[in-house]
Amino acid sequence: MNTVLTLVRTTATDRDFMELVEKLNAYLTTINGKEDAFFQQHNTLDAIQHVVLCYSDDEVVGCGAFKVLNKETIEIKRMYVEREHRGQNIGTYILKELEKWARELRFEHIILETSKTMASAVNLYRKNEYGIIPNYEPYKEVMSSICFKKDIGLQILS
């Protein structure tokens, strides 16, 4: 039986997104330890208006979102794939859709932060051509953080 993956653009008020974010927060609490309260304050949903959900058949299996930082830059937030669906390139599928949406809205740069200990996340961003950058605020002094950037601005071919 072939699984059909479907991407849906929505907002942070989507019930499926909120359920996945609860699971993501529980997972990140185990990784962040005593720094969890610091990270949670920077992962609220109130500034997020752009969400991508991935469905496998009719079941939601992953999500990602972006937050607008300024007229040129967005920040990837809330990337998550259900444990039993990891290793199937769903994260890349979601990330590419977020990039496409950002390009449609004429953003030029994408930045993001993740934990150095989350090897699968670090690998996801590296394989999708995100370059490591110095940690940006509010993560400048956070030793467990690693930050990435990708330029997606429209290039004119000469």
Protein backbone atom coordinates (compact mmCIF):
# COMPACT_ATOMS: atom_id res chain seq x y z
CA MET A 1 0.00 0.00 0.00
CA ASN A 2 1.43 3.40 -0.98
CA THR A 3 1.26 6.21 1.52
CA VAL A 4 0.11 9.56 0.21
CA LEU A 5 1.81 12.57 1.77
CA THR A 6 -0.07 15.85 1.61
CA LEU A 7 1.09 19.29 2.69
CA VAL A 8 -1.39 21.85 3.97
CA ARG A 9 -0.69 25.53 4.60
CA THR A 10 -2.51 26.84 7.65
CA THR A 11 -2.09 29.02 10.74
CA ALA A 12 -0.99 28.51 14.34
CA THR A 13 -4.61 28.18 15.44
CA ASP A 14 -5.01 24.89 13.56
CA ARG A 15 -5.96 22.13 16.01
CA ASP A 16 -3.63 19.55 14.40
CA PHE A 17 -0.72 21.99 14.65
CA MET A 18 -1.43 22.73 18.31
CA GLU A 19 -1.51 18.98 19.10
CA LEU A 20 1.86 18.43 17.41
CA VAL A 21 3.34 21.45 19.20
CA GLU A 22 2.32 19.93 22.55
CA LYS A 23 4.24 16.76 21.62
CA LEU A 24 7.19 18.83 20.39
CA ASN A 25 7.28 20.83 23.63
CA ALA A 26 7.26 17.64 25.72
CA TYR A 27 10.11 16.23 23.62
CA LEU A 28 12.16 19.44 23.83
CA THR A 29 11.71 19.61 27.61
CA THR A 30 13.74 16.40 27.88
CA ILE A 31 16.48 17.88 25.69
CA ASN A 32 16.56 21.42 27.12
CA GLY A 33 16.59 20.40 30.78
CA LYS A 34 17.05 23.38 33.09
CA GLU A 35 17.15 25.78 30.10
CA ASP A 36 13.63 24.75 29.05
CA ALA A 37 11.86 27.85 30.40
CA PHE A 38 14.25 30.07 28.41
CA PHE A 39 13.49 28.25 25.15
CA GLN A 40 9.74 28.00 25.79
CA GLN A 41 9.43 31.81 26.03
CA HIS A 42 10.85 32.09 22.51
CA ASN A 43 8.62 29.38 21.06
CA THR A 44 5.17 30.82 21.65
CA LEU A 45 2.71 30.66 18.79
CA ASP A 46 1.41 34.23 18.96
CA ALA A 47 3.89 35.52 16.33
CA ILE A 48 3.41 32.58 13.97
CA GLN A 49 1.01 33.01 11.07
CA HIS A 50 2.53 30.57 8.56
CA VAL A 51 2.29 26.84 9.29
CA VAL A 52 2.76 23.77 7.12
CA LEU A 53 1.27 20.44 8.18
CA CYS A 54 2.14 17.10 6.62
CA TYR A 55 -0.47 14.37 6.47
CA SER A 56 0.19 10.72 5.73
CA ASP A 57 -3.11 9.63 4.25
CA ASP A 58 -5.44 11.33 6.76
CA GLU A 59 -3.11 11.37 9.77
CA VAL A 60 -1.08 14.46 10.68
CA VAL A 61 2.56 13.36 10.99
CA GLY A 62 4.64 16.54 10.98
CA CYS A 63 4.71 20.30 11.04
CA GLY A 64 6.85 23.36 10.58
CA ALA A 65 6.26 27.08 10.70
CA PHE A 66 7.89 30.40 10.19
CA LYS A 67 7.84 33.68 12.02
CA VAL A 68 8.35 36.95 10.15
CA LEU A 69 11.29 38.88 11.62
CA ASN A 70 11.39 41.77 9.16
CA LYS A 71 10.57 42.49 5.52
CA GLU A 72 13.48 40.34 4.31
CA THR A 73 13.90 37.59 6.91
CA ILE A 74 11.87 34.78 8.43
CA GLU A 75 12.75 32.34 11.19
CA ILE A 76 11.87 28.64 10.92
CA LYS A 77 10.07 27.47 14.05
CA ARG A 78 8.29 24.40 15.43
CA MET A 79 9.70 21.74 13.09
CA TYR A 80 8.50 18.32 14.24
CA VAL A 81 7.87 14.87 12.78
CA GLU A 82 6.15 12.09 14.73
CA ARG A 83 8.69 9.51 15.89
CA GLU A 84 7.24 6.62 13.86
CA HIS A 85 7.44 8.71 10.67
CA ARG A 86 11.03 9.92 11.02
CA GLY A 87 13.62 8.85 8.46
CA GLN A 88 11.18 9.29 5.54
CA ASN A 89 12.30 12.80 4.46
CA ILE A 90 9.13 14.37 5.85
CA GLY A 91 11.18 17.11 7.52
CA THR A 92 12.71 18.04 4.16
CA TYR A 93 9.29 17.93 2.51
CA ILE A 94 7.93 20.40 5.11
CA LEU A 95 11.04 22.60 5.01
CA LYS A 96 10.93 22.90 1.21
CA GLU A 97 7.28 23.97 1.38
CA LEU A 98 8.11 26.62 4.00
CA GLU A 99 10.93 27.89 1.74
CA LYS A 100 8.58 27.99 -1.25
CA TRP A 101 5.98 29.94 0.73
CA ALA A 102 8.63 32.39 1.96
CA ARG A 103 9.81 32.96 -1.64
CA GLU A 104 6.22 33.57 -2.78
CA LEU A 105 5.97 36.25 -0.07
CA ARG A 106 9.26 37.77 -1.33
CA PHE A 107 11.41 37.04 1.72
CA GLU A 108 15.13 36.76 1.03
CA HIS A 109 16.64 35.09 4.09
CA ILE A 110 15.75 32.25 6.43
CA ILE A 111 17.36 31.80 9.81
CA LEU A 112 16.79 29.22 12.52
CA GLU A 113 18.11 27.85 15.78
CA THR A 114 18.28 24.28 16.99
CA SER A 115 20.14 22.30 19.62
CA LYS A 116 23.62 21.02 18.85
CA THR A 117 22.55 17.73 20.46
CA MET A 118 19.75 17.16 17.94
CA ALA A 119 21.87 15.49 15.25
CA SER A 120 18.91 14.72 12.98
CA ALA A 121 17.83 18.38 12.98
CA VAL A 122 21.37 19.61 12.34
CA ASN A 123 21.67 17.10 9.47
CA LEU A 124 18.30 18.17 8.03
CA TYR A 125 19.40 21.79 7.76
CA ARG A 126 22.88 20.98 6.46
CA LYS A 127 21.56 18.69 3.71
CA ASN A 128 19.12 21.43 2.68
CA GLU A 129 21.95 23.93 2.18
CA TYR A 130 21.65 25.95 5.39
CA GLY A 131 24.96 27.38 6.53
CA ILE A 132 26.05 27.72 10.13
CA ILE A 133 26.10 31.33 11.34
CA PRO A 134 27.02 32.97 14.64
CA ASN A 135 24.23 32.59 17.16
CA TYR A 136 21.74 35.45 16.90
CA GLU A 137 19.66 37.00 19.67
CA PRO A 138 18.25 35.64 21.88
CA TYR A 139 20.57 32.62 21.47
CA LYS A 140 23.92 34.52 21.37
CA GLU A 141 25.10 33.22 24.75
CA VAL A 142 23.40 29.80 24.62
CA MET A 143 26.16 27.22 24.31
CA SER A 144 23.77 24.38 23.36
CA SER A 145 22.38 26.32 20.37
CA ILE A 146 23.49 26.22 16.77
CA CYS A 147 22.10 28.72 14.27
CA PHE A 148 21.70 28.45 10.50
CA LYS A 149 20.90 30.73 7.57
CA LYS A 150 19.85 30.22 3.97
CA ASP A 151 19.51 32.93 1.36
CA ILE A 152 16.45 32.36 -0.83
CA GLY A 153 16.23 35.72 -2.57
CA LEU A 154 15.25 35.70 -6.20
CA GLN A 155 18.27 35.51 -8.44
CA ILE A 156 18.19 37.12 -11.85
CA LEU A 157 19.97 35.10 -14.48
CA SER A 158 22.12 37.12 -16.86
